[in-house]
Protein backbone atom coordinates (compact mmCIF):
# COMPACT_ATOMS: atom_id res chain seq x y z
CA MET A 1 76.29 127.42 197.85
CA SER A 2 78.47 130.12 199.43
CA ASN A 3 79.30 127.88 202.41
CA ILE A 4 80.96 125.21 200.23
CA HIS A 5 84.56 125.85 199.21
CA PRO A 6 85.09 125.53 195.45
CA SER A 7 87.77 122.87 195.94
CA ALA A 8 85.41 120.56 197.86
CA VAL A 9 83.99 117.50 196.07
CA ILE A 10 80.27 117.01 196.69
CA GLU A 11 78.87 113.89 195.07
CA PRO A 12 75.37 114.11 193.55
CA GLY A 13 72.69 113.10 196.06
CA ALA A 14 74.37 114.50 199.18
CA GLN A 15 71.96 116.45 201.38
CA ILE A 16 73.60 119.56 202.83
CA ASP A 17 71.70 122.05 204.97
CA PRO A 18 72.14 125.65 203.72
CA THR A 19 73.77 126.59 207.04
CA ALA A 20 76.38 123.80 206.90
CA LYS A 21 79.96 124.67 205.95
CA VAL A 22 82.27 122.51 203.84
CA GLY A 23 85.89 123.62 203.78
CA PRO A 24 88.69 123.19 201.26
CA PHE A 25 89.45 119.77 199.74
CA CYS A 26 86.68 117.92 201.57
CA LEU A 27 84.86 114.93 200.06
CA VAL A 28 81.16 114.46 200.81
CA GLY A 29 79.61 111.24 199.50
CA SER A 30 76.32 110.81 197.70
CA GLN A 31 74.45 109.29 200.69
CA VAL A 32 75.66 111.78 203.29
CA THR A 33 73.37 114.14 205.21
CA LEU A 34 74.90 117.22 206.85
CA SER A 35 72.42 118.89 209.21
CA ALA A 36 72.12 122.54 210.26
CA GLY A 37 75.32 124.20 211.39
CA VAL A 38 77.61 121.25 210.64
CA GLU A 39 81.15 122.33 209.76
CA LEU A 40 83.79 120.32 207.92
CA LYS A 41 87.03 122.25 208.42
CA SER A 42 89.21 121.03 205.52
CA HIS A 43 90.47 117.75 204.01
CA VAL A 44 87.60 115.87 205.69
CA VAL A 45 86.15 112.71 204.13
CA VAL A 46 82.51 111.92 204.93
CA ILE A 47 81.23 108.97 202.96
CA GLY A 48 78.72 106.11 203.04
CA GLN A 49 75.20 106.31 204.40
CA THR A 50 76.18 108.82 207.07
CA THR A 51 74.04 111.35 208.95
CA ILE A 52 75.71 114.10 210.97
CA GLY A 53 73.62 116.05 213.49
CA ASP A 54 73.31 119.78 214.05
CA GLU A 55 76.41 121.86 214.87
CA THR A 56 78.86 118.97 214.83
CA VAL A 57 82.34 120.13 213.79
CA ILE A 58 84.83 117.81 212.08
CA PHE A 59 88.49 118.80 211.90
CA PRO A 60 91.06 118.20 209.13
CA PHE A 61 91.95 114.71 207.91
CA ALA A 62 89.16 112.92 209.76
CA VAL A 63 87.55 110.04 207.83
CA VAL A 64 83.94 109.41 208.79
CA GLY A 65 81.62 106.69 207.45
CA GLU A 66 84.17 104.51 205.66
CA ILE A 67 83.68 100.73 205.48
CA PRO A 68 84.53 98.63 208.55
CA GLN A 69 87.90 97.03 209.18
CA ASP A 70 86.14 93.67 209.30
CA LEU A 71 86.94 90.91 206.79
CA LYS A 72 83.35 89.66 207.07
CA PHE A 73 82.04 92.90 205.59
CA LYS A 74 80.87 92.27 202.01
CA GLY A 75 79.67 95.71 201.00
CA GLU A 76 76.18 95.47 202.51
CA ALA A 77 74.26 98.72 203.02
CA THR A 78 74.94 99.90 206.58
CA ARG A 79 74.88 103.27 208.33
CA LEU A 80 76.64 105.72 210.61
CA VAL A 81 74.56 108.12 212.69
CA ILE A 82 76.30 110.96 214.54
CA GLY A 83 74.35 113.22 216.89
CA GLN A 84 74.49 116.92 217.63
CA ARG A 85 77.29 119.25 218.79
CA ASN A 86 80.09 116.71 218.61
CA ARG A 87 83.72 117.77 218.18
CA ILE A 88 85.60 115.29 216.00
CA ARG A 89 89.27 116.26 215.91
CA GLU A 90 92.11 115.64 213.49
CA HIS A 91 92.72 112.14 212.05
CA VAL A 92 89.71 110.57 213.80
CA THR A 93 88.21 107.55 212.00
CA ILE A 94 84.63 106.34 212.57
CA ASN A 95 83.33 103.36 210.58
CA CYS A 96 79.80 102.41 209.57
CA GLY A 97 78.11 99.25 210.84
CA THR A 98 78.01 95.67 209.60
CA GLU A 99 75.05 93.45 208.82
CA GLY A 100 76.07 91.00 211.53
CA GLY A 101 76.33 93.73 214.13
CA GLY A 102 72.97 95.39 213.53
CA GLY A 103 73.95 97.62 210.64
CA VAL A 104 74.49 100.90 212.50
CA THR A 105 77.33 102.65 214.28
CA ARG A 106 75.79 105.29 216.51
CA ILE A 107 77.31 108.36 218.20
CA GLY A 108 75.29 110.44 220.69
CA ASP A 109 75.37 114.19 221.36
CA ASP A 110 78.00 116.57 222.78
CA GLY A 111 80.94 114.19 222.47
CA LEU A 112 84.62 115.08 222.16
CA PHE A 113 86.71 112.75 220.02
CA MET A 114 90.30 113.93 220.28
CA ALA A 115 93.00 113.54 217.65
CA GLY A 116 93.68 110.08 216.29
CA CYS A 117 90.75 108.24 217.91
CA HIS A 118 89.09 105.27 216.22
CA VAL A 119 85.49 104.10 216.64
CA ALA A 120 84.89 100.76 214.94
CA HIS A 121 81.80 99.21 213.34
CA ASP A 122 78.54 98.75 215.27
CA ALA A 123 79.78 100.64 218.34
CA VAL A 124 77.21 102.63 220.30
CA ILE A 125 78.59 105.76 221.96
CA GLY A 126 76.39 107.73 224.36
CA ASN A 127 76.10 111.45 225.12
CA ARG A 128 78.91 113.63 226.49
CA VAL A 129 81.52 110.92 225.96
CA ILE A 130 85.18 111.99 225.80
CA LEU A 131 87.75 109.89 223.96
CA VAL A 132 91.22 111.31 224.55
CA ASN A 133 93.96 111.18 221.90
CA SER A 134 94.56 107.86 220.12
CA VAL A 135 91.85 105.88 221.92
CA ALA A 136 90.69 102.79 220.01
CA ILE A 137 87.12 101.53 220.47
CA ALA A 138 86.65 98.09 218.90
CA GLY A 139 83.57 96.77 217.16
CA HIS A 140 80.25 96.20 218.95
CA CYS A 141 81.30 98.16 222.07
CA VAL A 142 78.78 100.18 224.09
CA LEU A 143 79.90 103.30 225.94
CA GLU A 144 77.08 104.82 227.98
CA ASP A 145 76.64 108.53 228.75
CA ASP A 146 79.42 110.59 230.39
CA VAL A 147 82.19 108.02 229.91
CA ILE A 148 85.78 109.27 229.67
CA VAL A 149 88.51 107.11 228.11
CA GLY A 150 92.10 108.25 228.70
CA GLY A 151 94.68 108.66 225.98
CA LEU A 152 96.27 105.67 224.21
CA SER A 153 93.72 103.27 225.73
CA GLY A 154 91.98 100.41 223.93
CA VAL A 155 88.57 98.83 224.50
CA HIS A 156 88.09 95.21 223.40
CA GLN A 157 85.21 94.28 221.10
CA PHE A 158 81.79 93.68 222.71
CA VAL A 159 82.83 95.42 225.96
CA ARG A 160 80.25 97.65 227.69
CA ILE A 161 81.32 100.63 229.78
CA GLY A 162 78.63 101.91 232.13
CA ARG A 163 77.50 105.49 232.56
CA GLY A 164 79.93 107.88 234.24
CA ALA A 165 82.87 105.47 234.25
CA ILE A 166 86.43 106.69 233.66
CA ILE A 167 89.27 104.76 232.06
CA GLY A 168 92.82 105.88 232.85
CA ALA A 169 95.44 106.52 230.17
CA VAL A 170 97.32 103.65 228.49
CA THR A 171 94.80 101.04 229.67
CA MET A 172 93.53 97.95 227.87
CA VAL A 173 89.90 97.22 228.80
CA THR A 174 88.93 93.60 228.11
CA ASN A 175 85.80 93.20 230.24
CA ASP A 176 82.67 95.18 231.11
CA VAL A 177 83.03 98.18 233.42
CA ILE A 178 80.29 99.00 235.94
CA PRO A 179 78.67 102.47 235.91
CA TYR A 180 80.82 105.09 237.71
CA GLY A 181 83.79 102.71 237.84
CA LEU A 182 87.43 103.83 237.80
CA VAL A 183 89.67 101.59 235.67
CA GLN A 184 93.43 101.94 235.35
CA ALA A 185 96.69 99.96 234.95
CA PRO A 186 98.11 98.61 231.68
CA ARG A 187 95.78 95.59 231.80
CA GLY A 188 92.71 97.38 233.10
CA GLU A 189 91.67 96.80 236.71
CA LEU A 190 88.56 98.14 238.44
CA ASP A 191 90.31 100.24 241.05
CA GLY A 192 87.45 102.20 242.59
CA LEU A 193 84.73 104.68 241.65
CA ASN A 194 84.88 107.83 239.55
CA LEU A 195 84.35 110.01 242.61
CA VAL A 196 85.64 113.17 240.95
CA GLY A 197 83.16 112.76 238.10
CA LEU A 198 80.29 112.11 240.51
CA LYS A 199 81.06 115.26 242.50
CA ARG A 200 81.38 117.35 239.34
CA ARG A 201 77.89 116.26 238.30
CA GLY A 202 76.46 117.31 241.64
CA VAL A 203 75.56 113.83 242.92
CA GLU A 204 74.35 114.05 246.52
CA ARG A 205 76.71 113.02 249.32
CA ALA A 206 74.26 110.33 250.48
CA ASP A 207 74.31 108.70 247.04
CA ILE A 208 78.11 108.81 246.90
CA THR A 209 78.24 107.18 250.34
CA ALA A 210 75.82 104.49 249.12
CA LEU A 211 77.94 103.89 246.02
CA ARG A 212 81.10 103.51 248.09
CA ALA A 213 79.40 101.01 250.40
CA ALA A 214 78.07 99.10 247.38
CA PHE A 215 81.53 98.97 245.84
CA GLN A 216 82.94 97.51 249.05
CA MET A 217 80.24 94.86 249.10
CA LEU A 218 80.94 93.96 245.47
CA ALA A 219 84.63 93.70 246.33
CA GLN A 220 84.48 91.79 249.62
CA GLY A 221 81.03 90.31 250.11
CA GLU A 222 80.22 86.62 250.19
CA GLY A 223 79.34 84.64 247.08
CA THR A 224 79.95 85.33 243.41
CA PHE A 225 80.10 88.80 241.86
CA GLN A 226 76.65 88.29 240.34
CA SER A 227 75.09 87.06 243.59
CA ARG A 228 76.55 90.02 245.50
CA ALA A 229 75.01 92.35 242.94
CA ARG A 230 71.59 90.71 243.27
CA ARG A 231 71.78 91.06 247.06
CA LEU A 232 72.56 94.73 246.67
CA LYS A 233 69.34 95.25 244.75
CA ASP A 234 67.32 94.12 247.75
CA GLU A 235 69.32 96.20 250.23
CA THR A 236 69.56 99.63 248.61
CA SER A 237 67.27 102.54 247.84
CA SER A 238 69.88 104.49 245.85
CA VAL A 239 69.04 104.88 242.16
CA TYR A 240 72.78 105.00 241.40
CA VAL A 241 73.44 101.66 243.10
CA ARG A 242 70.43 100.16 241.34
CA GLU A 243 71.88 101.35 238.05
CA ILE A 244 75.06 99.38 238.76
CA VAL A 245 73.06 96.31 239.76
CA ASP A 246 70.94 96.47 236.60
CA PHE A 247 74.09 96.81 234.51
CA ILE A 248 75.71 93.76 236.12
CA THR A 249 72.60 91.57 235.88
CA SER A 250 71.76 92.49 232.25
CA ASP A 251 72.90 90.52 229.22
CA SER A 252 76.59 90.78 228.35
CA ASP A 253 78.94 89.23 225.81
CA ARG A 254 81.94 89.68 228.13
CA HIS A 255 82.91 89.05 231.73
CA PHE A 256 83.23 91.95 234.18
CA LEU A 257 86.17 93.79 235.58
CA THR A 258 85.70 93.10 239.29
CA PRO A 259 87.02 95.23 242.17
CA SER A 260 90.70 94.69 242.89
């Protein structure tokens, strides 16, 4: 194929769309599927049972689909599924799943994974997520759509980060983050709402006002964090506030970052 550089190693069984491009010194494993318009720049390793969606571009020295950094992993057949139009920059590592974690690591569409990021086994990453340089996402994490994680930050295993939340640089996130939350400080604290992100997405002023009032109630209302959230559900008509309430009252393997 004219789109595959002669120095690339393509193992028998790999499925490569005719429009995909494989650059110099890449390795593509036997169970890999590269969809239409995928581009591997050079020195990229894609291995394991890995599917990469249309028009995703992977930059030099990224390693995608390797086995998990989990001592419980015993070589079981697990997968990595990457969606469409992602940009995976230099030295990014993304691992496949484990049997104990459901068997699949899943990346959505239109993400930007900047240089040196790591996404561990069984993580689920939504659409339009941005991981800035050297972010580490531990195993079993869930990052919903439109999340931004600042550079040099780490997210503890099993943590969920709700839609539209933003994590500041050099932050360690150890507990769940509500949708549209703003988390910063070396040991992450829920410091407000991602108001800039809400405005950029065109959220109506009335909904932003409702979110700010809801945040204040979560921070200062009577009762426990969970009971305040349940009260909010009965008192609001905002779909954005209801999204936060549903996130808080759903099943979680971690505690929550609560308003400071």
